Amino acid sequence: MNETPDGGSAPVPEGTAGDAKKTRKSLPQPVLATLLVAGSFGGIAAVMAGMLVVISPSDPQETGPVPGGQVNIRDAGSVALLPPTVGPGGPGVPLTAAAPDAPAPLPAIKPIAPLSFTSAASSSSSPVSSSPTAAKTTTKKAAGRPLKISIPAIGVKATVGSVGVDKQGVIETPPLSKPNLTGWYRLGPAPGDQGPSVILGHVNTRKGPAVFSRLRELKRGNKIAVLRADGKMAIFTVDGIEQVSKSTFPTKRVYSNTITSSLRLITCGGVYNAKQHHYTDNIIVYATLTEIKGK
């Protein structure tokens, strides 16, 4: 080993020690210091690179979301941990079902008084539990029956027909032959009257998009206008929107009586089952009466 000018030591190849003393000139101290510093950083970089190789995954395809970080949208009703309230919707916000016992979302803005008040007994429950009392109220609601619906945020301007329940007690839908027609559940309150008024529409047909094809795009704060037979325009504000499995439809959240005038828009969502000819889920929009226009 030979001593270097800075007092340290450096290895010398065997058989050249004597010649080195005669022919080699010592490097200037600043240059040698620079080389030593550069060498030190090079060693550190090599160590860091080695560590990265060890801790980096060898196959990117093996990486994925943290378990439990995804939401099952295809069958939202079966997700173990559901939100305690209906979500607000909106761009980039996935639609999921709220917990089965969650109430309807709170009004986005202060509601106004309904145009007509009804008792809990005469307001709509679920289609399955419709009663003669509910049927009798149909004639009383003639003046308030909806004629047209407008949803500017998604470009909807449609006629409103009426639907009831089939022999199995399941709520009907508008005919597929009229994809731009919506259907008001006539055994429930009229839009603008106290309680939850329900309007249904198809998302698409074999010929293409239907009236509620963009319903899932609605978000809290959007407006829905319903023209009634009495000439009044009932303006509703969206409170929230959810996507829920048809096997766990939130009947109570949708049809239970409310002290305000409420509106529920319903269409299909999720995955289309070609064998059974229906979708797995429902898209449900919740809204509250916030303005009345007209005479």
C-alpha atoms as a PDB file:
ATOM      1  CA  MET A   1       0.000   0.000   0.000  1.00  0.00           C
ATOM      2  CA  ASN A   2       1.326   3.529  -0.706  1.00  0.00           C
ATOM      3  CA  GLU A   3       0.511   6.713   1.093  1.00  0.00           C
ATOM      4  CA  THR A   4      -1.358   9.297  -0.948  1.00  0.00           C
ATOM      5  CA  PRO A   5      -0.641  13.014  -0.651  1.00  0.00           C
ATOM      6  CA  ASP A   6      -3.814  13.567   1.443  1.00  0.00           C
ATOM      7  CA  GLY A   7      -2.730  11.047   4.049  1.00  0.00           C
ATOM      8  CA  GLY A   8      -5.103   8.287   2.924  1.00  0.00           C
ATOM      9  CA  SER A   9      -4.254   5.012   1.203  1.00  0.00           C
ATOM     10  CA  ALA A  10      -4.985   3.598  -2.231  1.00  0.00           C
ATOM     11  CA  PRO A  11      -4.285   0.159  -3.743  1.00  0.00           C
ATOM     12  CA  VAL A  12      -1.357  -0.146  -6.209  1.00  0.00           C
ATOM     13  CA  PRO A  13      -1.113  -3.049  -8.685  1.00  0.00           C
ATOM     14  CA  GLU A  14       1.608  -5.562  -7.780  1.00  0.00           C
ATOM     15  CA  GLY A  15       5.011  -5.195  -9.534  1.00  0.00           C
ATOM     16  CA  THR A  16       4.609  -1.477 -10.291  1.00  0.00           C
ATOM     17  CA  ALA A  17       5.303   0.075  -6.914  1.00  0.00           C
ATOM     18  CA  GLY A  18       8.886   1.054  -7.702  1.00  0.00           C
ATOM     19  CA  ASP A  19       8.079   2.416 -11.134  1.00  0.00           C
ATOM     20  CA  ALA A  20       5.222   4.367  -9.731  1.00  0.00           C
ATOM     21  CA  LYS A  21       7.501   6.191  -7.356  1.00  0.00           C
ATOM     22  CA  LYS A  22       9.750   7.224 -10.281  1.00  0.00           C
ATOM     23  CA  THR A  23       7.218   8.057 -13.000  1.00  0.00           C
ATOM     24  CA  ARG A  24       3.874   8.950 -11.340  1.00  0.00           C
ATOM     25  CA  LYS A  25       3.206  12.451 -10.232  1.00  0.00           C
ATOM     26  CA  SER A  26       0.800  13.121  -7.467  1.00  0.00           C
ATOM     27  CA  LEU A  27      -2.505  14.710  -8.445  1.00  0.00           C
ATOM     28  CA  PRO A  28      -3.303  18.186  -7.183  1.00  0.00           C
ATOM     29  CA  GLN A  29      -5.210  18.037  -3.910  1.00  0.00           C
ATOM     30  CA  PRO A  30      -8.368  19.862  -5.243  1.00  0.00           C
ATOM     31  CA  VAL A  31      -8.661  17.430  -8.171  1.00  0.00           C
ATOM     32  CA  LEU A  32      -8.266  14.382  -5.943  1.00  0.00           C
ATOM     33  CA  ALA A  33     -10.827  15.711  -3.505  1.00  0.00           C
ATOM     34  CA  THR A  34     -13.295  16.183  -6.343  1.00  0.00           C
ATOM     35  CA  LEU A  35     -12.761  12.620  -7.558  1.00  0.00           C
ATOM     36  CA  LEU A  36     -13.285  11.217  -4.055  1.00  0.00           C
ATOM     37  CA  VAL A  37     -16.542  13.160  -3.619  1.00  0.00           C
ATOM     38  CA  ALA A  38     -17.790  12.043  -7.045  1.00  0.00           C
ATOM     39  CA  GLY A  39     -16.924   8.455  -6.220  1.00  0.00           C
ATOM     40  CA  SER A  40     -18.811   8.662  -2.926  1.00  0.00           C
ATOM     41  CA  PHE A  41     -21.991   9.923  -4.633  1.00  0.00           C
ATOM     42  CA  GLY A  42     -21.650   7.249  -7.296  1.00  0.00           C
ATOM     43  CA  GLY A  43     -21.547   4.574  -4.624  1.00  0.00           C
ATOM     44  CA  ILE A  44     -24.637   5.982  -2.920  1.00  0.00           C
ATOM     45  CA  ALA A  45     -26.499   6.059  -6.232  1.00  0.00           C
ATOM     46  CA  ALA A  46     -25.586   2.448  -6.903  1.00  0.00           C
ATOM     47  CA  VAL A  47     -26.873   1.395  -3.469  1.00  0.00           C
ATOM     48  CA  MET A  48     -30.148   3.288  -3.980  1.00  0.00           C
ATOM     49  CA  ALA A  49     -30.639   1.706  -7.413  1.00  0.00           C
ATOM     50  CA  GLY A  50     -30.121  -1.737  -5.900  1.00  0.00           C
ATOM     51  CA  MET A  51     -32.714  -1.064  -3.208  1.00  0.00           C
ATOM     52  CA  LEU A  52     -35.260   0.090  -5.779  1.00  0.00           C
ATOM     53  CA  VAL A  53     -34.787  -3.096  -7.756  1.00  0.00           C
ATOM     54  CA  VAL A  54     -35.456  -5.139  -4.613  1.00  0.00           C
ATOM     55  CA  ILE A  55     -38.592  -3.293  -3.484  1.00  0.00           C
ATOM     56  CA  SER A  56     -40.136  -2.673  -6.922  1.00  0.00           C
ATOM     57  CA  PRO A  57     -42.755  -5.192  -8.125  1.00  0.00           C
ATOM     58  CA  SER A  58     -41.428  -7.507 -10.782  1.00  0.00           C
ATOM     59  CA  ASP A  59     -44.741  -7.609 -12.659  1.00  0.00           C
ATOM     60  CA  PRO A  60     -46.966  -4.485 -12.777  1.00  0.00           C
ATOM     61  CA  GLN A  61     -49.971  -6.666 -13.550  1.00  0.00           C
ATOM     62  CA  GLU A  62     -49.821  -8.118 -10.068  1.00  0.00           C
ATOM     63  CA  THR A  63     -50.518  -4.768  -8.474  1.00  0.00           C
ATOM     64  CA  GLY A  64     -54.080  -3.554  -8.000  1.00  0.00           C
ATOM     65  CA  PRO A  65     -56.464  -1.612  -5.783  1.00  0.00           C
ATOM     66  CA  VAL A  66     -56.343  -2.155  -2.073  1.00  0.00           C
ATOM     67  CA  PRO A  67     -58.935  -4.791  -1.116  1.00  0.00           C
ATOM     68  CA  GLY A  68     -62.190  -3.085  -0.246  1.00  0.00           C
ATOM     69  CA  GLY A  69     -61.266   0.040  -2.177  1.00  0.00           C
ATOM     70  CA  GLN A  70     -63.678  -0.689  -5.011  1.00  0.00           C
ATOM     71  CA  VAL A  71     -67.448  -0.338  -5.011  1.00  0.00           C
ATOM     72  CA  ASN A  72     -69.564  -2.976  -6.652  1.00  0.00           C
ATOM     73  CA  ILE A  73     -71.708  -0.879  -8.969  1.00  0.00           C
ATOM     74  CA  ARG A  74     -73.214  -3.857 -10.785  1.00  0.00           C
ATOM     75  CA  ASP A  75     -74.886  -5.072  -7.627  1.00  0.00           C
ATOM     76  CA  ALA A  76     -74.706  -2.069  -5.350  1.00  0.00           C
ATOM     77  CA  GLY A  77     -77.319  -3.424  -2.970  1.00  0.00           C
ATOM     78  CA  SER A  78     -75.105  -6.308  -1.899  1.00  0.00           C
ATOM     79  CA  VAL A  79     -72.101  -4.223  -0.861  1.00  0.00           C
ATOM     80  CA  ALA A  80     -71.371  -4.892   2.810  1.00  0.00           C
ATOM     81  CA  LEU A  81     -70.495  -1.333   3.824  1.00  0.00           C
ATOM     82  CA  LEU A  82     -72.922   1.111   2.258  1.00  0.00           C
ATOM     83  CA  PRO A  83     -72.998   4.900   2.739  1.00  0.00           C
ATOM     84  CA  PRO A  84     -75.383   6.115   5.463  1.00  0.00           C
ATOM     85  CA  THR A  85     -77.002   8.582   3.063  1.00  0.00           C
ATOM     86  CA  VAL A  86     -77.815   8.845  -0.630  1.00  0.00           C
ATOM     87  CA  GLY A  87     -74.935  10.452  -2.521  1.00  0.00           C
ATOM     88  CA  PRO A  88     -75.077  13.837  -4.289  1.00  0.00           C
ATOM     89  CA  GLY A  89     -74.135  12.498  -7.727  1.00  0.00           C
ATOM     90  CA  GLY A  90     -72.212  14.579 -10.215  1.00  0.00           C
ATOM     91  CA  PRO A  91     -69.261  14.206 -12.605  1.00  0.00           C
ATOM     92  CA  GLY A  92     -66.684  11.684 -11.453  1.00  0.00           C
ATOM     93  CA  VAL A  93     -68.795  10.556  -8.488  1.00  0.00           C
ATOM     94  CA  PRO A  94     -69.656   6.824  -8.632  1.00  0.00           C
ATOM     95  CA  LEU A  95     -73.284   5.996  -7.983  1.00  0.00           C
ATOM     96  CA  THR A  96     -73.820   3.551  -5.149  1.00  0.00           C
ATOM     97  CA  ALA A  97     -76.725   2.467  -3.006  1.00  0.00           C
ATOM     98  CA  ALA A  98     -77.223   3.945   0.440  1.00  0.00           C
ATOM     99  CA  ALA A  99     -77.641   1.667   3.462  1.00  0.00           C
ATOM    100  CA  PRO A 100     -81.004  -0.151   3.437  1.00  0.00           C
ATOM    101  CA  ASP A 101     -82.265   1.803   6.461  1.00  0.00           C
ATOM    102  CA  ALA A 102     -80.949   5.181   5.277  1.00  0.00           C
ATOM    103  CA  PRO A 103     -83.558   7.929   4.903  1.00  0.00           C
ATOM    104  CA  ALA A 104     -84.064   9.956   1.757  1.00  0.00           C
ATOM    105  CA  PRO A 105     -81.417  12.687   1.345  1.00  0.00           C
ATOM    106  CA  LEU A 106     -81.986  16.057   2.979  1.00  0.00           C
ATOM    107  CA  PRO A 107     -83.310  18.857   0.732  1.00  0.00           C
ATOM    108  CA  ALA A 108     -80.615  20.682  -1.218  1.00  0.00           C
ATOM    109  CA  ILE A 109     -82.354  23.993  -0.557  1.00  0.00           C
ATOM    110  CA  LYS A 110     -85.255  25.041   1.649  1.00  0.00           C
ATOM    111  CA  PRO A 111     -88.498  23.395   0.463  1.00  0.00           C
ATOM    112  CA  ILE A 112     -91.808  25.193   0.080  1.00  0.00           C
ATOM    113  CA  ALA A 113     -95.218  24.049   1.279  1.00  0.00           C
ATOM    114  CA  PRO A 114     -97.026  21.477  -0.890  1.00  0.00           C
ATOM    115  CA  LEU A 115     -99.919  22.638  -3.084  1.00  0.00           C
ATOM    116  CA  SER A 116    -102.178  20.035  -1.483  1.00  0.00           C
ATOM    117  CA  PHE A 117    -101.861  18.186   1.796  1.00  0.00           C
ATOM    118  CA  THR A 118    -102.770  14.555   2.318  1.00  0.00           C
ATOM    119  CA  SER A 119    -102.816  12.200   5.268  1.00  0.00           C
ATOM    120  CA  ALA A 120    -100.262   9.429   5.638  1.00  0.00           C
ATOM    121  CA  ALA A 121    -103.036   6.925   4.974  1.00  0.00           C
ATOM    122  CA  SER A 122    -103.960   8.405   1.616  1.00  0.00           C
ATOM    123  CA  SER A 123    -100.418   8.947   0.396  1.00  0.00           C
ATOM    124  CA  SER A 124     -98.531   6.358  -1.561  1.00  0.00           C
ATOM    125  CA  SER A 125     -96.824   3.428   0.019  1.00  0.00           C
ATOM    126  CA  SER A 126     -95.182   0.773  -2.136  1.00  0.00           C
ATOM    127  CA  PRO A 127     -96.956  -0.454  -5.283  1.00  0.00           C
ATOM    128  CA  VAL A 128     -97.410  -3.861  -3.659  1.00  0.00           C
ATOM    129  CA  SER A 129     -99.342  -2.396  -0.731  1.00  0.00           C
ATOM    130  CA  SER A 130    -101.623  -0.056  -2.707  1.00  0.00           C
ATOM    131  CA  SER A 131    -105.129   0.076  -1.265  1.00  0.00           C
ATOM    132  CA  PRO A 132    -108.664   1.220  -2.171  1.00  0.00           C
ATOM    133  CA  THR A 133    -107.982   4.370  -0.166  1.00  0.00           C
ATOM    134  CA  ALA A 134    -105.111   5.233  -2.478  1.00  0.00           C
ATOM    135  CA  ALA A 135    -107.270   4.482  -5.510  1.00  0.00           C
ATOM    136  CA  LYS A 136    -110.002   6.871  -4.297  1.00  0.00           C
ATOM    137  CA  THR A 137    -107.534   9.714  -4.127  1.00  0.00           C
ATOM    138  CA  THR A 138    -106.899   9.360  -7.864  1.00  0.00           C
ATOM    139  CA  THR A 139    -109.979  11.394  -8.781  1.00  0.00           C
ATOM    140  CA  LYS A 140    -109.044  14.068  -6.231  1.00  0.00           C
ATOM    141  CA  LYS A 141    -105.662  14.425  -7.886  1.00  0.00           C
ATOM    142  CA  ALA A 142    -107.030  14.960 -11.395  1.00  0.00           C
ATOM    143  CA  ALA A 143    -106.215  18.650 -11.352  1.00  0.00           C
ATOM    144  CA  GLY A 144    -102.668  17.953 -10.274  1.00  0.00           C
ATOM    145  CA  ARG A 145    -101.850  15.140 -12.686  1.00  0.00           C
ATOM    146  CA  PRO A 146     -98.560  15.776 -14.520  1.00  0.00           C
ATOM    147  CA  LEU A 147     -98.592  16.510 -18.234  1.00  0.00           C
ATOM    148  CA  LYS A 148     -94.968  17.288 -19.093  1.00  0.00           C
ATOM    149  CA  ILE A 149     -91.550  17.044 -17.469  1.00  0.00           C
ATOM    150  CA  SER A 150     -88.452  19.099 -18.232  1.00  0.00           C
ATOM    151  CA  ILE A 151     -84.910  18.500 -16.954  1.00  0.00           C
ATOM    152  CA  PRO A 152     -82.600  21.124 -18.520  1.00  0.00           C
ATOM    153  CA  ALA A 153     -79.373  19.620 -17.143  1.00  0.00           C
ATOM    154  CA  ILE A 154     -79.780  16.476 -19.254  1.00  0.00           C
ATOM    155  CA  GLY A 155     -81.872  17.808 -22.114  1.00  0.00           C
ATOM    156  CA  VAL A 156     -85.161  16.122 -21.198  1.00  0.00           C
ATOM    157  CA  LYS A 157     -88.475  17.475 -22.457  1.00  0.00           C
ATOM    158  CA  ALA A 158     -91.101  14.765 -22.362  1.00  0.00           C
ATOM    159  CA  THR A 159     -94.765  13.976 -22.052  1.00  0.00           C
ATOM    160  CA  VAL A 160     -95.938  12.318 -18.844  1.00  0.00           C
ATOM    161  CA  GLY A 161     -98.422   9.466 -19.053  1.00  0.00           C
ATOM    162  CA  SER A 162     -99.605   7.344 -16.144  1.00  0.00           C
ATOM    163  CA  VAL A 163     -98.901   3.836 -14.874  1.00  0.00           C
ATOM    164  CA  GLY A 164    -100.368   1.638 -12.170  1.00  0.00           C
ATOM    165  CA  VAL A 165     -99.487  -1.857 -10.964  1.00  0.00           C
ATOM    166  CA  ASP A 166     -99.648  -5.193 -12.744  1.00  0.00           C
ATOM    167  CA  LYS A 167    -101.314  -8.417 -11.555  1.00  0.00           C
ATOM    168  CA  GLN A 168     -98.271  -9.253  -9.433  1.00  0.00           C
ATOM    169  CA  GLY A 169     -98.521  -5.898  -7.670  1.00  0.00           C
ATOM    170  CA  VAL A 170     -95.393  -4.563  -9.374  1.00  0.00           C
ATOM    171  CA  ILE A 171     -95.334  -1.005 -10.653  1.00  0.00           C
ATOM    172  CA  GLU A 172     -95.754  -0.751 -14.413  1.00  0.00           C
ATOM    173  CA  THR A 173     -93.497   1.085 -16.851  1.00  0.00           C
ATOM    174  CA  PRO A 174     -94.304   3.070 -19.994  1.00  0.00           C
ATOM    175  CA  PRO A 175     -94.596   0.999 -23.199  1.00  0.00           C
ATOM    176  CA  LEU A 176     -91.289   0.329 -24.977  1.00  0.00           C
ATOM    177  CA  SER A 177     -92.951   1.423 -28.205  1.00  0.00           C
ATOM    178  CA  LYS A 178     -92.895   4.980 -26.814  1.00  0.00           C
ATOM    179  CA  PRO A 179     -89.282   5.482 -25.593  1.00  0.00           C
ATOM    180  CA  ASN A 180     -89.737   9.223 -25.024  1.00  0.00           C
ATOM    181  CA  LEU A 181     -92.790   8.819 -22.801  1.00  0.00           C
ATOM    182  CA  THR A 182     -92.503   8.908 -19.011  1.00  0.00           C
ATOM    183  CA  GLY A 183     -95.001   7.370 -16.612  1.00  0.00           C
ATOM    184  CA  TRP A 184     -96.403   8.884 -13.415  1.00  0.00           C
ATOM    185  CA  TYR A 185     -97.389   6.370 -10.740  1.00  0.00           C
ATOM    186  CA  ARG A 186    -101.030   7.423 -10.506  1.00  0.00           C
ATOM    187  CA  LEU A 187    -101.719   5.662  -7.184  1.00  0.00           C
ATOM    188  CA  GLY A 188     -99.297   8.038  -5.482  1.00  0.00           C
ATOM    189  CA  PRO A 189     -99.386  11.800  -4.965  1.00  0.00           C
ATOM    190  CA  ALA A 190     -99.360  14.199  -7.899  1.00  0.00           C
ATOM    191  CA  PRO A 191     -96.158  16.234  -8.338  1.00  0.00           C
ATOM    192  CA  GLY A 192     -96.500  19.289  -6.111  1.00  0.00           C
ATOM    193  CA  ASP A 193     -98.824  17.601  -3.615  1.00  0.00           C
ATOM    194  CA  GLN A 194     -97.596  16.318  -0.266  1.00  0.00           C
ATOM    195  CA  GLY A 195     -95.727  13.044  -0.401  1.00  0.00           C
ATOM    196  CA  PRO A 196     -93.480  11.216  -2.850  1.00  0.00           C
ATOM    197  CA  SER A 197     -94.578  11.487  -6.471  1.00  0.00           C
ATOM    198  CA  VAL A 198     -92.943   8.866  -8.704  1.00  0.00           C
ATOM    199  CA  ILE A 199     -92.189   9.207 -12.435  1.00  0.00           C
ATOM    200  CA  LEU A 200     -90.576   6.377 -14.391  1.00  0.00           C
ATOM    201  CA  GLY A 201     -88.889   6.241 -17.788  1.00  0.00           C
ATOM    202  CA  HIS A 202     -86.822   3.856 -19.869  1.00  0.00           C
ATOM    203  CA  VAL A 203     -83.049   4.233 -20.207  1.00  0.00           C
ATOM    204  CA  ASN A 204     -83.026   2.789 -23.738  1.00  0.00           C
ATOM    205  CA  THR A 205     -84.775   0.455 -26.163  1.00  0.00           C
ATOM    206  CA  ARG A 206     -83.597  -1.709 -29.032  1.00  0.00           C
ATOM    207  CA  LYS A 207     -83.777   1.366 -31.256  1.00  0.00           C
ATOM    208  CA  GLY A 208     -81.476   3.461 -29.080  1.00  0.00           C
ATOM    209  CA  PRO A 209     -81.480   5.841 -26.064  1.00  0.00           C
ATOM    210  CA  ALA A 210     -84.782   6.539 -24.327  1.00  0.00           C
ATOM    211  CA  VAL A 211     -86.092   9.463 -22.303  1.00  0.00           C
ATOM    212  CA  PHE A 212     -84.049   8.803 -19.140  1.00  0.00           C
ATOM    213  CA  SER A 213     -80.840   7.659 -20.848  1.00  0.00           C
ATOM    214  CA  ARG A 214     -78.884  10.429 -19.083  1.00  0.00           C
ATOM    215  CA  LEU A 215     -80.678  10.330 -15.741  1.00  0.00           C
ATOM    216  CA  ARG A 216     -77.517   9.092 -13.964  1.00  0.00           C
ATOM    217  CA  GLU A 217     -75.805  12.405 -14.847  1.00  0.00           C
ATOM    218  CA  LEU A 218     -78.024  14.441 -12.539  1.00  0.00           C
ATOM    219  CA  LYS A 219     -76.574  15.874  -9.362  1.00  0.00           C
ATOM    220  CA  ARG A 220     -77.675  17.630  -6.205  1.00  0.00           C
ATOM    221  CA  GLY A 221     -78.943  21.120  -7.042  1.00  0.00           C
ATOM    222  CA  ASN A 222     -80.229  20.393 -10.572  1.00  0.00           C
ATOM    223  CA  LYS A 223     -83.795  21.463 -11.399  1.00  0.00           C
ATOM    224  CA  ILE A 224     -86.756  19.379 -12.556  1.00  0.00           C
ATOM    225  CA  ALA A 225     -89.933  21.103 -13.807  1.00  0.00           C
ATOM    226  CA  VAL A 226     -93.296  19.328 -13.977  1.00  0.00           C
ATOM    227  CA  LEU A 227     -96.306  20.945 -15.671  1.00  0.00           C
ATOM    228  CA  ARG A 228     -99.587  19.968 -14.034  1.00  0.00           C
ATOM    229  CA  ALA A 229    -103.102  19.782 -15.489  1.00  0.00           C
ATOM    230  CA  ASP A 230    -104.143  22.790 -13.396  1.00  0.00           C
ATOM    231  CA  GLY A 231    -101.580  24.959 -15.218  1.00  0.00           C
ATOM    232  CA  LYS A 232     -99.111  25.139 -12.345  1.00  0.00           C
ATOM    233  CA  MET A 233     -95.455  24.379 -12.887  1.00  0.00           C
ATOM    234  CA  ALA A 234     -93.900  22.501  -9.951  1.00  0.00           C
ATOM    235  CA  ILE A 235     -90.147  23.064  -9.740  1.00  0.00           C
ATOM    236  CA  PHE A 236     -88.155  20.439  -7.845  1.00  0.00           C
ATOM    237  CA  THR A 237     -84.494  20.542  -6.795  1.00  0.00           C
ATOM    238  CA  VAL A 238     -82.451  17.335  -6.865  1.00  0.00           C
ATOM    239  CA  ASP A 239     -81.332  16.230  -3.393  1.00  0.00           C
ATOM    240  CA  GLY A 240     -79.385  13.092  -4.327  1.00  0.00           C
ATOM    241  CA  ILE A 241     -79.107  10.115  -6.641  1.00  0.00           C
ATOM    242  CA  GLU A 242     -78.267   6.441  -6.151  1.00  0.00           C
ATOM    243  CA  GLN A 243     -77.845   3.207  -8.078  1.00  0.00           C
ATOM    244  CA  VAL A 244     -79.236   0.176  -6.314  1.00  0.00           C
ATOM    245  CA  SER A 245     -79.760  -3.484  -7.109  1.00  0.00           C
ATOM    246  CA  LYS A 246     -83.305  -4.384  -8.091  1.00  0.00           C
ATOM    247  CA  SER A 247     -83.089  -7.292  -5.676  1.00  0.00           C
ATOM    248  CA  THR A 248     -82.744  -4.830  -2.768  1.00  0.00           C
ATOM    249  CA  PHE A 249     -84.891  -1.954  -4.023  1.00  0.00           C
ATOM    250  CA  PRO A 250     -85.288   0.671  -1.220  1.00  0.00           C
ATOM    251  CA  THR A 251     -89.082   0.601  -1.154  1.00  0.00           C
ATOM    252  CA  LYS A 252     -89.391   2.504   2.125  1.00  0.00           C
ATOM    253  CA  ARG A 253     -86.950   5.228   1.073  1.00  0.00           C
ATOM    254  CA  VAL A 254     -88.760   5.772  -2.216  1.00  0.00           C
ATOM    255  CA  TYR A 255     -92.445   5.410  -1.310  1.00  0.00           C
ATOM    256  CA  SER A 256     -92.747   6.366   2.366  1.00  0.00           C
ATOM    257  CA  ASN A 257     -94.805   9.466   3.077  1.00  0.00           C
ATOM    258  CA  THR A 258     -93.020  12.816   3.447  1.00  0.00           C
ATOM    259  CA  ILE A 259     -94.124  16.119   4.968  1.00  0.00           C
ATOM    260  CA  THR A 260     -92.871  17.917   1.876  1.00  0.00           C
ATOM    261  CA  SER A 261     -93.759  17.510  -1.768  1.00  0.00           C
ATOM    262  CA  SER A 262     -91.169  15.064  -3.067  1.00  0.00           C
ATOM    263  CA  LEU A 263     -90.333  13.636  -6.468  1.00  0.00           C
ATOM    264  CA  ARG A 264     -88.669  10.344  -7.380  1.00  0.00           C
ATOM    265  CA  LEU A 265     -87.419   9.647 -10.896  1.00  0.00           C
ATOM    266  CA  ILE A 266     -86.632   6.003 -11.655  1.00  0.00           C
ATOM    267  CA  THR A 267     -84.983   4.229 -14.574  1.00  0.00           C
ATOM    268  CA  CYS A 268     -82.820   1.172 -15.162  1.00  0.00           C
ATOM    269  CA  GLY A 269     -79.065   0.911 -14.683  1.00  0.00           C
ATOM    270  CA  GLY A 270     -76.238  -1.502 -14.106  1.00  0.00           C
ATOM    271  CA  VAL A 271     -75.707  -4.431 -16.483  1.00  0.00           C
ATOM    272  CA  TYR A 272     -78.209  -5.665 -19.042  1.00  0.00           C
ATOM    273  CA  ASN A 273     -79.074  -9.356 -18.688  1.00  0.00           C
ATOM    274  CA  ALA A 274     -79.795 -10.527 -22.243  1.00  0.00           C
ATOM    275  CA  LYS A 275     -81.368 -13.786 -21.074  1.00  0.00           C
ATOM    276  CA  GLN A 276     -83.794 -12.185 -18.652  1.00  0.00           C
ATOM    277  CA  HIS A 277     -84.240  -9.026 -20.752  1.00  0.00           C
ATOM    278  CA  HIS A 278     -83.758  -6.568 -17.938  1.00  0.00           C
ATOM    279  CA  TYR A 279     -81.104  -4.558 -16.134  1.00  0.00           C
ATOM    280  CA  THR A 280     -79.654  -5.531 -12.777  1.00  0.00           C
ATOM    281  CA  ASP A 281     -80.076  -2.141 -11.090  1.00  0.00           C
ATOM    282  CA  ASN A 282     -82.224   0.962 -10.795  1.00  0.00           C
ATOM    283  CA  ILE A 283     -81.140   4.595 -10.908  1.00  0.00           C
ATOM    284  CA  ILE A 284     -83.194   6.665  -8.438  1.00  0.00           C
ATOM    285  CA  VAL A 285     -83.251  10.462  -8.247  1.00  0.00           C
ATOM    286  CA  TYR A 286     -84.628  12.166  -5.120  1.00  0.00           C
ATOM    287  CA  ALA A 287     -85.931  15.749  -5.336  1.00  0.00           C
ATOM    288  CA  THR A 288     -87.968  18.225  -3.275  1.00  0.00           C
ATOM    289  CA  LEU A 289     -90.455  20.950  -4.296  1.00  0.00           C
ATOM    290  CA  THR A 290     -88.762  24.363  -4.067  1.00  0.00           C
ATOM    291  CA  GLU A 291     -90.813  26.640  -6.356  1.00  0.00           C
ATOM    292  CA  ILE A 292     -94.224  26.985  -8.011  1.00  0.00           C
ATOM    293  CA  LYS A 293     -94.868  28.920 -11.203  1.00  0.00           C
ATOM    294  CA  GLY A 294     -98.130  29.666 -12.990  1.00  0.00           C
ATOM    295  CA  LYS A 295    -101.630  30.604 -11.960  1.00  0.00           C
END
